[in-house]
Amino acid sequence: QVQLVESGGGLVQAGGSLRLSCAASTRTFSNYAMGWFRQAPGKEREFVAGIDWSGGRTYYADSVKGRFTISRDNAENTVSLQMNSLKPEDTAVYYCNAKVVVNVEGASLDYWGQGTQVTVSS
């Protein structure tokens, strides 16, 4: 069981920056791939960015490439999302995700934080 707590959301003007953080309560944080997802009102939750267990590989949605950067600190059990050049369409609740593969068939478990609101005004 992993508990995830996000922080850092808020209100920012278009073109501004925010940094989201997610703290994980687990002794095996480096076993988990981590990611950020977001959900805007009336829309489905969508993938934003992901990072592998070591931090060596990162993945981004096309809509945020070049603007957002995901990173992790395995010593501190945290993952962060630096968001620059924010746009009104980035407005959403942002969720931290932890994923771990549990068997050789590739089945996985997902854990979610409670979400943090990001609002970008035009």
Protein backbone atom coordinates (compact mmCIF):
# COMPACT_ATOMS: atom_id res chain seq x y z
CA GLN A 1 0.00 0.00 0.00
CA VAL A 2 1.32 3.43 -0.97
CA GLN A 3 -0.08 6.76 0.12
CA LEU A 4 0.57 9.71 -2.15
CA VAL A 5 0.17 13.34 -1.15
CA GLU A 6 0.37 16.10 -3.74
CA SER A 7 1.17 19.74 -3.11
CA GLY A 8 2.02 22.86 -5.03
CA GLY A 9 -1.13 23.56 -6.99
CA GLY A 10 -2.67 26.99 -7.22
CA LEU A 11 -3.71 29.88 -9.42
CA VAL A 12 -1.26 31.31 -11.93
CA GLN A 13 -1.46 33.58 -14.96
CA ALA A 14 -0.84 32.25 -18.43
CA GLY A 15 2.88 32.07 -19.12
CA GLY A 16 3.68 31.49 -15.48
CA SER A 17 5.15 28.49 -13.68
CA LEU A 18 4.19 26.08 -10.93
CA ARG A 19 5.97 23.15 -9.34
CA LEU A 20 3.96 20.19 -8.12
CA SER A 21 5.35 17.72 -5.63
CA CYS A 22 4.18 14.30 -4.55
CA ALA A 23 5.38 12.60 -1.38
CA ALA A 24 5.08 8.81 -1.18
CA SER A 25 4.80 6.82 2.02
CA THR A 26 6.60 3.61 1.19
CA ARG A 27 9.96 2.04 2.00
CA THR A 28 10.25 0.74 -1.55
CA PHE A 29 9.75 3.94 -3.53
CA SER A 30 12.37 3.00 -6.10
CA ASN A 31 10.26 -0.04 -7.06
CA TYR A 32 7.59 2.24 -8.49
CA ALA A 33 7.31 4.02 -11.78
CA MET A 34 5.76 7.40 -11.10
CA GLY A 35 3.57 9.67 -13.14
CA TRP A 36 1.33 12.69 -13.27
CA PHE A 37 -2.15 12.70 -14.73
CA ARG A 38 -4.74 15.45 -14.95
CA GLN A 39 -8.47 15.77 -15.27
CA ALA A 40 -10.25 18.86 -16.46
CA PRO A 41 -13.98 19.41 -15.80
CA GLY A 42 -16.10 17.26 -18.09
CA LYS A 43 -13.09 15.42 -19.47
CA GLU A 44 -11.44 12.07 -18.84
CA ARG A 45 -8.28 11.76 -16.82
CA GLU A 46 -5.25 11.98 -19.11
CA PHE A 47 -1.57 11.15 -18.89
CA VAL A 48 0.78 14.11 -18.48
CA ALA A 49 4.24 12.78 -17.65
CA GLY A 50 5.95 9.64 -16.37
CA ILE A 51 9.32 8.58 -15.02
CA ASP A 52 10.84 5.15 -14.52
CA TRP A 53 12.14 3.79 -11.22
CA SER A 54 15.63 5.19 -11.65
CA GLY A 55 14.74 8.53 -13.15
CA GLY A 56 16.63 7.57 -16.28
CA ARG A 57 13.64 7.58 -18.57
CA THR A 58 10.90 10.17 -18.79
CA TYR A 59 7.76 10.35 -20.89
CA TYR A 60 5.50 13.25 -21.78
CA ALA A 61 2.19 13.91 -23.43
CA ASP A 62 2.64 15.85 -26.64
CA SER A 63 0.66 18.73 -25.19
CA VAL A 64 3.26 19.38 -22.47
CA LYS A 65 6.55 18.45 -24.14
CA GLY A 66 9.11 21.20 -23.82
CA ARG A 67 7.11 22.94 -21.06
CA PHE A 68 6.87 20.37 -18.25
CA THR A 69 9.67 18.40 -16.59
CA ILE A 70 9.19 15.40 -14.32
CA SER A 71 11.85 14.35 -11.83
CA ARG A 72 12.18 12.13 -8.77
CA ASP A 73 14.29 11.86 -5.66
CA ASN A 74 14.42 8.28 -4.44
CA ALA A 75 16.20 9.30 -1.25
CA GLU A 76 13.33 11.62 -0.33
CA ASN A 77 10.49 9.50 -1.79
CA THR A 78 9.26 12.38 -3.91
CA VAL A 79 8.36 13.07 -7.50
CA SER A 80 7.97 16.56 -8.91
CA LEU A 81 6.48 18.20 -11.96
CA GLN A 82 7.92 21.54 -13.02
CA MET A 83 5.40 23.30 -15.20
CA ASN A 84 6.52 26.29 -17.25
CA SER A 85 4.80 28.43 -19.88
CA LEU A 86 1.43 27.43 -18.50
CA LYS A 87 -1.65 27.81 -20.65
CA PRO A 88 -5.33 28.09 -19.71
CA GLU A 89 -5.86 24.63 -21.20
CA ASP A 90 -3.53 23.22 -18.53
CA THR A 91 -6.21 23.98 -15.95
CA ALA A 92 -7.15 20.71 -14.25
CA VAL A 93 -6.84 18.65 -11.12
CA TYR A 94 -3.42 17.01 -11.21
CA TYR A 95 -2.97 13.54 -9.75
CA CYS A 96 0.18 11.72 -8.73
CA ASN A 97 0.36 8.05 -9.72
CA ALA A 98 2.55 5.19 -8.55
CA LYS A 99 2.69 1.97 -10.54
CA VAL A 100 4.40 -1.31 -9.69
CA VAL A 101 4.52 -4.53 -11.71
CA VAL A 102 3.43 -7.45 -9.52
CA ASN A 103 3.99 -10.54 -11.65
CA VAL A 104 5.83 -11.87 -14.70
CA GLU A 105 2.73 -11.39 -16.86
CA GLY A 106 3.06 -7.68 -16.35
CA ALA A 107 0.05 -7.11 -14.13
CA SER A 108 0.43 -3.92 -12.15
CA LEU A 109 -0.99 -2.06 -9.22
CA ASP A 110 -1.77 1.63 -9.37
CA TYR A 111 -1.99 4.08 -6.51
CA TRP A 112 -3.35 7.63 -6.71
CA GLY A 113 -3.07 10.78 -4.70
CA GLN A 114 -6.05 12.97 -3.83
CA GLY A 115 -5.21 15.54 -6.49
CA THR A 116 -4.21 19.19 -6.48
CA GLN A 117 -5.96 21.94 -8.42
CA VAL A 118 -4.05 23.94 -11.01
CA THR A 119 -5.83 26.94 -12.50
CA VAL A 120 -4.27 29.02 -15.26
CA SER A 121 -5.96 32.35 -15.98
CA SER A 122 -5.79 34.02 -19.37
